[in-house]
N, C-alpha and C. Protein backbone atom coordinates (compact mmCIF):
# COMPACT_ATOMS: atom_id res chain seq x y z
N UNK A 1 -17.49 31.76 78.84
CA UNK A 1 -16.04 31.94 78.31
C UNK A 1 -15.42 32.80 79.48
N UNK A 2 -14.08 32.42 79.95
CA UNK A 2 -13.38 33.17 80.89
C UNK A 2 -13.11 34.60 80.50
N UNK A 3 -13.23 35.53 81.30
CA UNK A 3 -13.00 37.00 80.81
C UNK A 3 -11.82 37.61 81.77
N UNK A 4 -11.17 38.53 81.13
CA UNK A 4 -10.15 39.24 81.99
C UNK A 4 -10.81 40.39 82.79
N UNK A 5 -10.04 41.21 83.48
CA UNK A 5 -10.49 42.26 84.45
C UNK A 5 -11.32 43.35 83.64
N UNK A 6 -11.11 43.47 82.31
CA UNK A 6 -11.82 44.55 81.50
C UNK A 6 -13.02 43.93 80.83
N UNK A 7 -13.34 42.75 81.19
CA UNK A 7 -14.58 42.00 80.63
C UNK A 7 -14.34 41.38 79.24
N UNK A 8 -13.04 41.35 78.73
CA UNK A 8 -12.81 40.83 77.44
C UNK A 8 -12.48 39.33 77.55
N UNK A 9 -12.85 38.62 76.48
CA UNK A 9 -12.55 37.14 76.61
C UNK A 9 -11.11 36.86 76.63
N UNK A 10 -10.70 36.07 77.45
CA UNK A 10 -9.29 35.66 77.60
C UNK A 10 -8.86 34.77 76.42
N UNK A 11 -7.63 35.01 75.98
CA UNK A 11 -7.11 34.24 74.88
C UNK A 11 -6.60 32.92 75.49
N UNK A 12 -6.65 31.86 74.64
CA UNK A 12 -6.21 30.57 75.03
C UNK A 12 -4.73 30.66 75.39
N UNK A 13 -4.32 30.18 76.59
CA UNK A 13 -2.88 30.14 76.83
C UNK A 13 -2.05 29.56 75.74
N UNK A 14 -0.82 30.11 75.63
CA UNK A 14 0.00 29.48 74.60
C UNK A 14 0.67 28.20 75.05
N UNK A 15 0.74 27.25 74.23
CA UNK A 15 1.30 25.95 74.72
C UNK A 15 2.81 26.11 74.55
N UNK A 16 3.56 25.60 75.73
CA UNK A 16 4.95 25.54 75.65
C UNK A 16 5.58 25.07 74.35
N UNK A 17 6.52 25.70 73.92
CA UNK A 17 7.28 25.39 72.66
C UNK A 17 6.26 25.24 71.34
N UNK A 18 5.16 26.11 71.58
CA UNK A 18 4.11 26.10 70.49
C UNK A 18 3.53 24.75 70.15
N UNK A 19 3.54 23.86 71.08
CA UNK A 19 2.98 22.51 71.09
C UNK A 19 3.92 21.56 70.42
N UNK A 20 5.25 21.97 70.20
CA UNK A 20 6.24 21.10 69.65
C UNK A 20 7.38 20.95 70.63
N UNK A 21 7.06 20.26 71.67
CA UNK A 21 8.15 20.30 72.71
C UNK A 21 9.24 19.36 72.29
N UNK A 22 10.55 19.77 72.41
CA UNK A 22 11.70 19.01 71.95
C UNK A 22 12.08 18.08 73.01
N UNK A 23 12.93 17.10 72.69
CA UNK A 23 13.67 16.34 73.69
C UNK A 23 14.59 17.23 74.43
N UNK A 24 14.74 16.94 75.78
CA UNK A 24 15.74 17.71 76.60
C UNK A 24 17.08 18.00 75.82
N UNK A 25 17.55 17.11 75.25
CA UNK A 25 18.82 17.26 74.54
C UNK A 25 18.78 18.32 73.47
N UNK A 26 17.58 18.47 72.93
CA UNK A 26 17.44 19.36 71.66
C UNK A 26 16.92 20.78 72.18
N UNK A 27 16.49 20.90 73.40
CA UNK A 27 15.71 22.11 73.86
C UNK A 27 16.79 23.29 73.86
N UNK A 28 17.99 23.09 74.24
CA UNK A 28 18.99 24.07 74.33
C UNK A 28 19.35 24.56 72.91
N UNK A 29 19.48 23.56 71.93
CA UNK A 29 19.81 23.98 70.58
C UNK A 29 18.63 24.73 69.90
N UNK A 30 17.34 24.44 70.40
CA UNK A 30 16.20 25.27 69.81
C UNK A 30 16.39 26.73 70.37
N UNK A 31 16.65 26.79 71.65
CA UNK A 31 16.73 28.13 72.16
C UNK A 31 17.87 28.92 71.59
N UNK A 32 18.97 28.26 71.34
CA UNK A 32 20.19 28.95 70.62
C UNK A 32 19.76 29.40 69.12
N UNK A 33 18.91 28.64 68.51
CA UNK A 33 18.49 28.93 67.16
C UNK A 33 17.52 30.13 67.22
N UNK A 34 16.69 30.11 68.14
CA UNK A 34 15.72 31.23 68.31
C UNK A 34 16.55 32.52 68.70
N UNK A 35 17.50 32.38 69.67
CA UNK A 35 18.30 33.57 70.06
C UNK A 35 19.03 34.25 68.84
N UNK A 36 19.59 33.30 68.09
CA UNK A 36 20.33 33.73 66.78
C UNK A 36 19.41 34.54 65.87
N UNK A 37 18.15 34.07 65.73
CA UNK A 37 17.15 34.75 64.95
C UNK A 37 16.89 36.04 65.46
N UNK A 38 16.81 36.18 66.85
CA UNK A 38 16.49 37.43 67.57
C UNK A 38 17.72 38.49 67.32
N UNK A 39 18.83 37.91 67.49
CA UNK A 39 19.98 38.83 67.22
C UNK A 39 20.06 39.30 65.91
N UNK A 40 19.86 38.43 64.87
CA UNK A 40 20.02 38.79 63.48
C UNK A 40 18.91 39.80 63.06
N UNK A 41 17.81 39.72 63.77
CA UNK A 41 16.64 40.56 63.42
C UNK A 41 16.77 41.83 64.18
N UNK A 42 17.00 41.81 65.42
CA UNK A 42 16.83 42.90 66.35
C UNK A 42 18.14 43.56 66.81
N UNK A 43 19.36 42.80 66.73
CA UNK A 43 20.61 43.25 67.26
C UNK A 43 20.74 42.65 68.62
N UNK A 44 22.04 42.60 69.05
CA UNK A 44 22.47 42.21 70.37
C UNK A 44 21.97 42.95 71.54
N UNK A 45 21.96 44.36 71.47
CA UNK A 45 21.29 45.02 72.61
C UNK A 45 19.87 44.86 72.78
N UNK A 46 19.23 44.58 71.85
CA UNK A 46 17.73 44.38 71.85
C UNK A 46 17.21 42.95 71.99
N UNK A 47 18.22 42.06 72.34
CA UNK A 47 17.90 40.59 72.50
C UNK A 47 18.12 40.28 74.02
N UNK A 48 17.00 39.85 74.72
CA UNK A 48 17.14 39.37 76.01
C UNK A 48 16.34 38.22 76.32
N UNK A 49 16.39 37.57 77.53
CA UNK A 49 15.82 36.37 77.86
C UNK A 49 14.27 36.41 77.48
N UNK A 50 13.57 37.51 77.85
CA UNK A 50 12.29 37.56 77.57
C UNK A 50 11.87 37.54 75.99
N UNK A 51 12.78 38.12 75.28
CA UNK A 51 12.55 38.06 73.79
C UNK A 51 12.61 36.57 73.37
N UNK A 52 13.59 35.88 73.79
CA UNK A 52 13.83 34.61 73.28
C UNK A 52 12.72 33.63 73.79
N UNK A 53 12.33 33.87 75.02
CA UNK A 53 11.17 33.01 75.52
C UNK A 53 10.04 33.23 74.82
N UNK A 54 9.55 34.52 74.39
CA UNK A 54 8.38 34.80 73.74
C UNK A 54 8.56 34.12 72.30
N UNK A 55 9.69 34.27 71.63
CA UNK A 55 9.83 33.66 70.23
C UNK A 55 9.74 32.15 70.27
N UNK A 56 10.31 31.55 71.43
CA UNK A 56 10.27 30.08 71.49
C UNK A 56 9.04 29.56 71.91
N UNK A 57 8.19 30.44 72.47
CA UNK A 57 6.90 29.88 73.04
C UNK A 57 7.02 29.12 74.45
N UNK A 58 8.09 29.70 75.26
CA UNK A 58 8.24 29.09 76.55
C UNK A 58 8.29 30.35 77.49
N UNK A 59 8.29 29.90 78.85
CA UNK A 59 8.33 30.92 79.89
C UNK A 59 9.92 31.26 80.07
N UNK A 60 10.23 32.42 80.70
CA UNK A 60 11.49 32.86 80.95
C UNK A 60 12.14 31.78 81.90
N UNK A 61 11.59 31.18 82.96
CA UNK A 61 12.19 30.25 83.72
C UNK A 61 12.67 29.01 82.91
N UNK A 62 12.08 28.63 81.78
CA UNK A 62 12.48 27.52 81.00
C UNK A 62 13.86 27.97 80.33
N UNK A 63 13.98 29.25 79.86
CA UNK A 63 15.25 29.74 79.19
C UNK A 63 16.32 29.71 80.33
N UNK A 64 15.99 30.15 81.55
CA UNK A 64 17.00 30.27 82.53
C UNK A 64 17.43 28.74 82.99
N UNK A 65 16.70 27.86 82.69
CA UNK A 65 17.02 26.39 82.91
C UNK A 65 18.31 25.97 82.14
N UNK A 66 18.42 26.68 80.97
CA UNK A 66 19.58 26.28 80.15
C UNK A 66 20.57 27.31 80.15
N UNK A 67 20.35 28.51 80.41
CA UNK A 67 21.26 29.51 80.40
C UNK A 67 21.18 30.39 81.69
N UNK A 68 22.29 30.65 82.50
CA UNK A 68 22.05 31.25 83.84
C UNK A 68 21.76 32.64 83.67
N UNK A 69 22.15 33.45 82.60
CA UNK A 69 21.86 34.77 82.47
C UNK A 69 21.89 35.04 80.92
N UNK A 70 21.49 36.40 80.67
CA UNK A 70 21.53 36.82 79.27
C UNK A 70 22.88 36.80 78.67
N UNK A 71 23.88 37.12 79.43
CA UNK A 71 25.34 37.15 78.93
C UNK A 71 25.68 35.71 78.38
N UNK A 72 25.35 34.67 79.23
CA UNK A 72 25.75 33.37 78.87
C UNK A 72 24.87 32.93 77.54
N UNK A 73 23.70 33.32 77.44
CA UNK A 73 22.88 32.96 76.27
C UNK A 73 23.49 33.73 75.07
N UNK A 74 23.97 34.85 75.04
CA UNK A 74 24.45 35.65 73.89
C UNK A 74 25.73 35.10 73.55
N UNK A 75 26.68 34.77 74.70
CA UNK A 75 27.93 34.13 74.45
C UNK A 75 27.90 32.82 73.79
N UNK A 76 26.91 32.04 74.09
CA UNK A 76 26.77 30.71 73.54
C UNK A 76 26.36 30.80 72.02
N UNK A 77 25.55 31.80 71.70
CA UNK A 77 25.10 32.05 70.36
C UNK A 77 26.26 32.30 69.48
N UNK A 78 27.13 33.30 70.00
CA UNK A 78 28.33 33.69 69.31
C UNK A 78 29.31 32.53 69.27
N UNK A 79 29.43 31.77 70.24
CA UNK A 79 30.37 30.63 70.29
C UNK A 79 29.91 29.65 69.22
N UNK A 80 28.67 29.40 69.09
CA UNK A 80 28.15 28.40 68.24
C UNK A 80 28.42 28.94 66.66
N UNK A 81 28.24 30.22 66.52
CA UNK A 81 28.48 30.86 65.21
C UNK A 81 29.94 30.77 64.88
N UNK A 82 30.88 30.98 65.83
CA UNK A 82 32.26 30.91 65.71
C UNK A 82 32.78 29.52 65.19
N UNK A 83 32.18 28.50 65.83
CA UNK A 83 32.47 27.11 65.58
C UNK A 83 32.09 26.77 64.10
N UNK A 84 30.89 27.20 63.65
CA UNK A 84 30.45 26.97 62.33
C UNK A 84 31.35 27.72 61.49
N UNK A 85 31.78 28.90 61.68
CA UNK A 85 32.74 29.51 60.80
C UNK A 85 33.92 28.89 60.69
N UNK A 86 34.51 28.41 61.86
CA UNK A 86 35.80 27.69 61.83
C UNK A 86 35.74 26.47 60.78
N UNK A 87 34.56 25.75 60.93
CA UNK A 87 34.31 24.57 60.06
C UNK A 87 34.37 25.00 58.46
N UNK A 88 33.58 26.14 58.30
CA UNK A 88 33.44 26.66 56.92
C UNK A 88 34.88 27.06 56.38
N UNK A 89 35.68 27.70 57.19
CA UNK A 89 37.02 28.07 56.74
C UNK A 89 37.83 26.97 56.43
N UNK A 90 37.78 25.85 57.24
CA UNK A 90 38.41 24.57 57.07
C UNK A 90 38.13 23.96 55.72
N UNK A 91 36.78 24.00 55.45
CA UNK A 91 36.49 23.43 54.08
C UNK A 91 36.89 24.22 52.98
N UNK A 92 36.70 25.54 53.12
CA UNK A 92 37.16 26.46 52.08
C UNK A 92 38.54 26.35 51.54
N UNK A 93 39.46 26.26 52.42
CA UNK A 93 40.86 26.37 52.19
C UNK A 93 41.56 25.01 51.75
N UNK A 94 40.73 23.92 51.86
CA UNK A 94 41.25 22.64 51.40
C UNK A 94 41.79 22.57 50.01
N UNK A 95 41.30 23.49 49.16
CA UNK A 95 41.58 23.40 47.75
C UNK A 95 42.88 24.18 47.49
N UNK A 96 43.48 24.73 48.43
CA UNK A 96 44.85 25.48 48.38
C UNK A 96 45.90 24.75 48.99
N UNK A 97 46.92 24.49 48.23
CA UNK A 97 48.07 23.65 48.67
C UNK A 97 49.09 24.29 49.45
N UNK A 98 49.37 25.56 49.08
CA UNK A 98 50.60 26.26 49.79
C UNK A 98 49.97 26.82 51.11
N UNK A 99 50.83 26.63 52.21
CA UNK A 99 50.41 27.20 53.61
C UNK A 99 50.15 28.64 53.50
N UNK A 100 50.92 29.43 52.69
CA UNK A 100 50.75 30.91 52.63
C UNK A 100 49.46 31.17 52.01
N UNK A 101 49.14 30.48 50.92
CA UNK A 101 47.84 30.73 50.28
C UNK A 101 46.73 30.38 51.24
N UNK A 102 46.82 29.29 51.91
CA UNK A 102 45.78 28.98 52.88
C UNK A 102 45.60 30.08 53.99
N UNK A 103 46.68 30.71 54.36
CA UNK A 103 46.53 31.80 55.42
C UNK A 103 45.81 33.00 54.87
N UNK A 104 46.19 33.27 53.66
CA UNK A 104 45.51 34.38 52.97
C UNK A 104 44.09 34.34 52.62
N UNK A 105 43.82 33.13 52.09
CA UNK A 105 42.38 32.78 51.81
C UNK A 105 41.55 32.63 53.02
N UNK A 106 42.21 32.06 54.18
CA UNK A 106 41.44 31.89 55.41
C UNK A 106 41.03 33.26 55.89
N UNK A 107 41.95 34.28 55.79
CA UNK A 107 41.73 35.64 56.34
C UNK A 107 40.56 36.22 55.51
N UNK A 108 40.65 36.20 54.16
CA UNK A 108 39.64 36.78 53.37
C UNK A 108 38.38 36.20 53.50
N UNK A 109 38.26 34.79 53.61
CA UNK A 109 37.00 34.14 53.77
C UNK A 109 36.34 34.48 55.18
N UNK A 110 37.07 34.60 56.18
CA UNK A 110 36.60 34.92 57.54
C UNK A 110 36.04 36.41 57.54
N UNK A 111 36.65 37.32 56.93
CA UNK A 111 36.16 38.70 56.85
C UNK A 111 35.02 38.86 56.07
N UNK A 112 34.89 38.07 55.00
CA UNK A 112 33.70 38.00 54.13
C UNK A 112 32.52 37.39 55.00
N UNK A 113 32.80 36.39 55.60
CA UNK A 113 31.70 35.70 56.38
C UNK A 113 31.17 36.45 57.44
N UNK A 114 32.12 37.09 58.14
CA UNK A 114 31.59 38.01 59.35
C UNK A 114 30.65 39.16 58.76
N UNK A 115 31.02 39.63 57.63
CA UNK A 115 30.32 40.75 57.00
C UNK A 115 28.89 40.13 56.49
N UNK A 116 28.85 38.88 56.06
CA UNK A 116 27.71 38.36 55.52
C UNK A 116 26.73 37.59 56.55
N UNK A 117 27.34 37.25 57.54
CA UNK A 117 26.52 36.44 58.57
C UNK A 117 25.89 37.32 59.52
N UNK A 118 24.49 37.31 59.63
CA UNK A 118 23.85 38.28 60.33
C UNK A 118 24.12 38.24 61.77
N UNK A 119 24.36 37.19 62.33
CA UNK A 119 24.70 37.11 63.78
C UNK A 119 26.25 37.67 64.02
N UNK A 120 27.13 37.19 63.30
CA UNK A 120 28.60 37.71 63.51
C UNK A 120 28.71 39.21 63.14
N UNK A 121 27.97 39.62 62.08
CA UNK A 121 27.96 41.02 61.81
C UNK A 121 27.51 42.01 62.82
N UNK A 122 26.54 41.55 63.67
CA UNK A 122 26.12 42.23 64.80
C UNK A 122 27.25 42.64 65.79
N UNK A 123 28.18 41.62 65.87
CA UNK A 123 29.30 41.87 66.81
C UNK A 123 30.07 43.10 66.41
N UNK A 124 30.21 43.35 65.23
CA UNK A 124 31.01 44.54 64.68
C UNK A 124 30.23 45.75 64.49
N UNK A 125 29.04 45.91 64.98
CA UNK A 125 28.36 47.23 64.98
C UNK A 125 29.05 48.15 65.98
N UNK A 126 29.21 49.42 65.57
CA UNK A 126 29.98 50.37 66.56
C UNK A 126 29.55 50.27 68.01
N UNK A 127 28.31 50.09 68.25
CA UNK A 127 27.90 50.18 69.65
C UNK A 127 28.43 48.99 70.49
N UNK A 128 28.79 47.71 69.69
CA UNK A 128 29.16 46.54 70.33
C UNK A 128 30.66 46.47 70.34
N UNK A 129 31.37 47.43 69.64
CA UNK A 129 32.78 47.30 69.62
C UNK A 129 33.42 47.84 70.76
N UNK A 130 33.71 47.09 71.77
CA UNK A 130 34.21 47.60 72.90
C UNK A 130 35.53 46.86 73.49
N UNK A 131 35.93 47.24 74.69
CA UNK A 131 37.07 46.48 75.27
C UNK A 131 36.82 44.96 75.48
N UNK A 132 35.52 44.57 75.94
CA UNK A 132 35.16 43.23 76.11
C UNK A 132 35.33 42.40 74.89
N UNK A 133 34.83 42.90 73.74
CA UNK A 133 35.05 42.32 72.44
C UNK A 133 36.61 42.17 72.06
N UNK A 134 37.35 43.28 72.35
CA UNK A 134 38.74 43.18 71.85
C UNK A 134 39.41 42.23 72.74
N UNK A 135 39.13 42.02 73.92
CA UNK A 135 39.70 41.04 74.87
C UNK A 135 39.41 39.63 74.42
N UNK A 136 38.21 39.55 74.04
CA UNK A 136 37.64 38.12 73.66
C UNK A 136 38.22 37.51 72.33
N UNK A 137 38.56 38.48 71.54
CA UNK A 137 39.03 38.07 70.27
C UNK A 137 40.25 37.25 70.14
N UNK A 138 41.11 37.51 71.14
CA UNK A 138 42.40 36.75 71.11
C UNK A 138 42.49 35.91 72.27
N UNK A 139 41.38 35.52 73.06
CA UNK A 139 41.39 34.62 74.20
C UNK A 139 41.61 33.18 73.60
N UNK A 140 41.95 32.20 74.51
CA UNK A 140 42.22 30.89 74.08
C UNK A 140 41.13 30.27 73.27
N UNK A 141 39.80 30.64 73.65
CA UNK A 141 38.73 30.00 72.74
C UNK A 141 38.94 30.47 71.33
N UNK A 142 39.08 31.59 71.16
CA UNK A 142 39.15 32.10 69.73
C UNK A 142 40.45 31.58 69.00
N UNK A 143 41.61 31.51 69.75
CA UNK A 143 42.65 30.80 69.08
C UNK A 143 42.44 29.32 68.67
N UNK A 144 41.57 28.58 69.72
CA UNK A 144 41.32 27.16 69.44
C UNK A 144 40.48 27.19 68.15
N UNK A 145 39.49 28.08 67.90
CA UNK A 145 38.70 28.14 66.76
C UNK A 145 39.54 28.11 65.47
N UNK A 146 40.55 29.02 65.66
CA UNK A 146 41.43 29.16 64.59
C UNK A 146 42.30 28.01 64.29
N UNK A 147 42.65 27.41 65.32
CA UNK A 147 43.52 26.22 65.17
C UNK A 147 42.71 25.05 64.53
N UNK A 148 41.52 24.91 64.92
CA UNK A 148 40.66 24.06 64.23
C UNK A 148 40.50 24.23 62.72
N UNK A 149 40.24 25.51 62.42
CA UNK A 149 40.04 25.91 60.99
C UNK A 149 41.28 25.71 60.15
N UNK A 150 42.48 26.02 60.73
CA UNK A 150 43.66 25.92 59.96
C UNK A 150 44.61 24.82 60.35
N UNK A 151 43.94 23.67 60.87
CA UNK A 151 44.79 22.58 61.29
C UNK A 151 45.59 21.95 60.21
N UNK A 152 45.07 21.83 58.90
CA UNK A 152 45.99 21.38 57.84
C UNK A 152 47.04 22.26 57.48
N UNK A 153 46.85 23.54 57.60
CA UNK A 153 47.95 24.45 57.30
C UNK A 153 48.99 24.36 58.42
N UNK A 154 48.54 24.16 59.71
CA UNK A 154 49.55 24.12 60.70
C UNK A 154 50.45 22.82 60.62
N UNK A 155 49.78 21.77 60.11
CA UNK A 155 50.49 20.52 59.96
C UNK A 155 51.56 20.58 58.84
N UNK A 156 51.33 21.47 57.77
CA UNK A 156 52.31 21.45 56.73
C UNK A 156 53.24 22.73 56.82
N UNK A 157 53.03 23.47 57.85
CA UNK A 157 53.91 24.61 58.00
C UNK A 157 55.28 24.40 58.72
N UNK A 158 55.35 23.26 59.42
CA UNK A 158 56.51 22.98 60.29
C UNK A 158 56.67 23.64 61.58
N UNK A 159 55.50 24.34 61.97
CA UNK A 159 55.62 25.06 63.32
C UNK A 159 55.59 24.04 64.53
N UNK A 160 56.27 24.43 65.40
CA UNK A 160 56.05 23.75 66.75
C UNK A 160 54.79 24.22 67.38
N UNK A 161 54.54 23.72 68.59
CA UNK A 161 53.36 24.15 69.33
C UNK A 161 53.19 25.64 69.66
N UNK A 162 54.30 26.16 70.15
CA UNK A 162 54.37 27.64 70.45
C UNK A 162 54.27 28.51 69.18
N UNK A 163 54.98 28.15 68.15
CA UNK A 163 54.91 28.82 66.88
C UNK A 163 53.53 28.88 66.37
N UNK A 164 52.87 27.71 66.35
CA UNK A 164 51.51 27.64 65.77
C UNK A 164 50.60 28.59 66.59
N UNK A 165 50.79 28.60 67.94
CA UNK A 165 49.87 29.46 68.71
C UNK A 165 49.98 30.87 68.49
N UNK A 166 51.34 31.35 68.32
CA UNK A 166 51.67 32.69 68.03
C UNK A 166 51.18 33.02 66.54
N UNK A 167 51.34 31.97 65.62
CA UNK A 167 50.90 32.25 64.31
C UNK A 167 49.18 32.64 64.22
N UNK A 168 48.64 31.76 65.07
CA UNK A 168 47.12 31.92 64.96
C UNK A 168 46.71 33.27 65.63
N UNK A 169 47.50 33.64 66.69
CA UNK A 169 47.29 34.97 67.36
C UNK A 169 47.44 36.03 66.36
N UNK A 170 48.56 35.99 65.62
CA UNK A 170 48.98 36.93 64.70
C UNK A 170 47.83 37.11 63.61
N UNK A 171 47.22 36.01 63.11
CA UNK A 171 46.21 35.99 62.09
C UNK A 171 45.00 36.59 62.70
N UNK A 172 44.57 36.20 63.97
CA UNK A 172 43.40 36.89 64.60
C UNK A 172 43.52 38.42 64.79
N UNK A 173 44.85 38.83 65.20
CA UNK A 173 45.03 40.25 65.27
C UNK A 173 45.03 41.00 63.97
N UNK A 174 45.40 40.39 62.90
CA UNK A 174 45.23 40.96 61.66
C UNK A 174 43.79 41.14 61.18
N UNK A 175 42.98 40.07 61.37
CA UNK A 175 41.57 40.21 61.13
C UNK A 175 40.94 41.11 61.89
N UNK A 176 41.26 41.28 63.10
CA UNK A 176 40.63 42.30 64.15
C UNK A 176 41.08 43.61 63.69
N UNK A 177 42.27 43.94 63.30
CA UNK A 177 42.56 45.33 62.77
C UNK A 177 41.88 45.58 61.42
N UNK A 178 41.75 44.70 60.58
CA UNK A 178 41.17 45.01 59.26
C UNK A 178 39.65 45.39 59.44
N UNK A 179 39.05 44.58 60.40
CA UNK A 179 37.64 44.77 60.59
C UNK A 179 37.38 46.11 61.38
N UNK A 180 38.20 46.33 62.41
CA UNK A 180 38.00 47.54 63.25
C UNK A 180 38.34 48.78 62.54
N UNK A 181 39.43 48.74 61.69
CA UNK A 181 39.87 50.09 60.83
C UNK A 181 39.92 49.72 59.56
N UNK A 182 38.90 49.60 58.73
CA UNK A 182 39.03 49.25 57.40
C UNK A 182 39.59 50.15 56.42
N UNK A 183 39.81 51.36 56.76
CA UNK A 183 40.55 52.33 55.91
C UNK A 183 42.00 52.06 55.95
N UNK A 184 42.60 52.19 54.78
CA UNK A 184 42.03 52.44 53.43
C UNK A 184 41.28 51.31 52.94
N UNK A 185 40.09 51.64 52.32
CA UNK A 185 39.27 50.46 51.63
C UNK A 185 39.95 49.96 50.52
N UNK A 186 39.99 48.55 50.51
CA UNK A 186 40.74 47.86 49.33
C UNK A 186 39.73 46.84 48.78
N UNK A 187 39.85 46.64 47.41
CA UNK A 187 39.20 45.61 46.84
C UNK A 187 39.61 44.33 47.43
N UNK A 188 38.90 43.11 47.08
CA UNK A 188 39.36 41.82 47.57
C UNK A 188 40.72 41.61 47.05
N UNK A 189 40.86 41.86 45.64
CA UNK A 189 42.13 41.68 45.09
C UNK A 189 43.31 42.42 45.67
N UNK A 190 42.98 43.66 45.84
CA UNK A 190 43.91 44.47 46.62
C UNK A 190 44.43 43.98 47.95
N UNK A 191 43.32 43.58 48.70
CA UNK A 191 43.58 43.15 49.96
C UNK A 191 44.27 41.80 50.04
N UNK A 192 44.03 40.99 49.04
CA UNK A 192 44.92 39.66 48.89
C UNK A 192 46.31 39.94 48.60
N UNK A 193 46.56 40.88 47.79
CA UNK A 193 48.07 41.34 47.65
C UNK A 193 48.61 41.92 48.77
N UNK A 194 47.89 42.71 49.63
CA UNK A 194 48.39 43.23 50.84
C UNK A 194 48.76 42.10 51.89
N UNK A 195 47.97 41.10 51.97
CA UNK A 195 48.17 40.02 52.75
C UNK A 195 49.26 39.17 52.38
N UNK A 196 49.50 39.08 51.09
CA UNK A 196 50.60 38.17 50.54
C UNK A 196 51.79 38.92 50.92
N UNK A 197 51.92 40.21 50.78
CA UNK A 197 53.18 40.91 51.07
C UNK A 197 53.43 41.09 52.50
N UNK A 198 52.34 41.10 53.39
CA UNK A 198 52.72 41.56 54.72
C UNK A 198 52.25 40.35 55.79
N UNK A 199 51.31 39.72 55.56
CA UNK A 199 50.82 38.52 56.67
C UNK A 199 51.76 37.35 56.30
N UNK A 200 51.81 36.98 55.10
CA UNK A 200 52.44 35.69 54.86
C UNK A 200 54.02 35.67 55.29
N UNK A 201 54.79 36.82 54.89
CA UNK A 201 56.12 36.80 55.60
C UNK A 201 56.22 36.90 57.05
N UNK A 202 55.18 37.55 57.64
CA UNK A 202 55.12 37.73 59.13
C UNK A 202 55.06 36.36 59.69
N UNK A 203 54.24 35.36 59.05
CA UNK A 203 53.87 34.10 59.57
C UNK A 203 55.19 33.14 59.23
N UNK A 204 56.01 33.68 58.50
CA UNK A 204 57.23 32.74 58.19
C UNK A 204 56.95 31.69 57.20
N UNK A 205 56.04 32.03 56.44
CA UNK A 205 55.55 31.05 55.22
C UNK A 205 56.02 31.50 53.83
């Protein structure tokens, strides 16, 4: 039996992907799923290429084949989580007819989902809340997610293109403010009333 330098038996080399090699098209998705699990368990600062490679049962060069660096990997995980949230918001607000109600419920649902989603929640840890995050929250990609989630509300609001973009930015800034500075603490009912009094008129709904 082969032995290492200390004379101990060498363990059998681990098979790539733990013996369950995915098709090339699915490999990136598998790595994103593994990275999301690592973030949920260990946090963003403690998640790197080596951690994801070990968890997925692949080498680090394999991970680098799909993501050029750690930043792209983390950003891709958050992007995927954001897209899923946008779809969930869209589904949630379908039962509300009034555009103002849709805006309020979308805001409440988003805040609740961020707090309950282990990956999205990590973004809002104090150590992660920095200028980079603040800048990214209202960038075109974030506004695009919001437009996807609230497409039905936009259609019934009567907004033109510029008005819709500004409205989505305003909603994102409201969510950002409430998450970053939650004081005074309000119950969901109290927050709903606050949004109805302040957000809805600001949107012109």
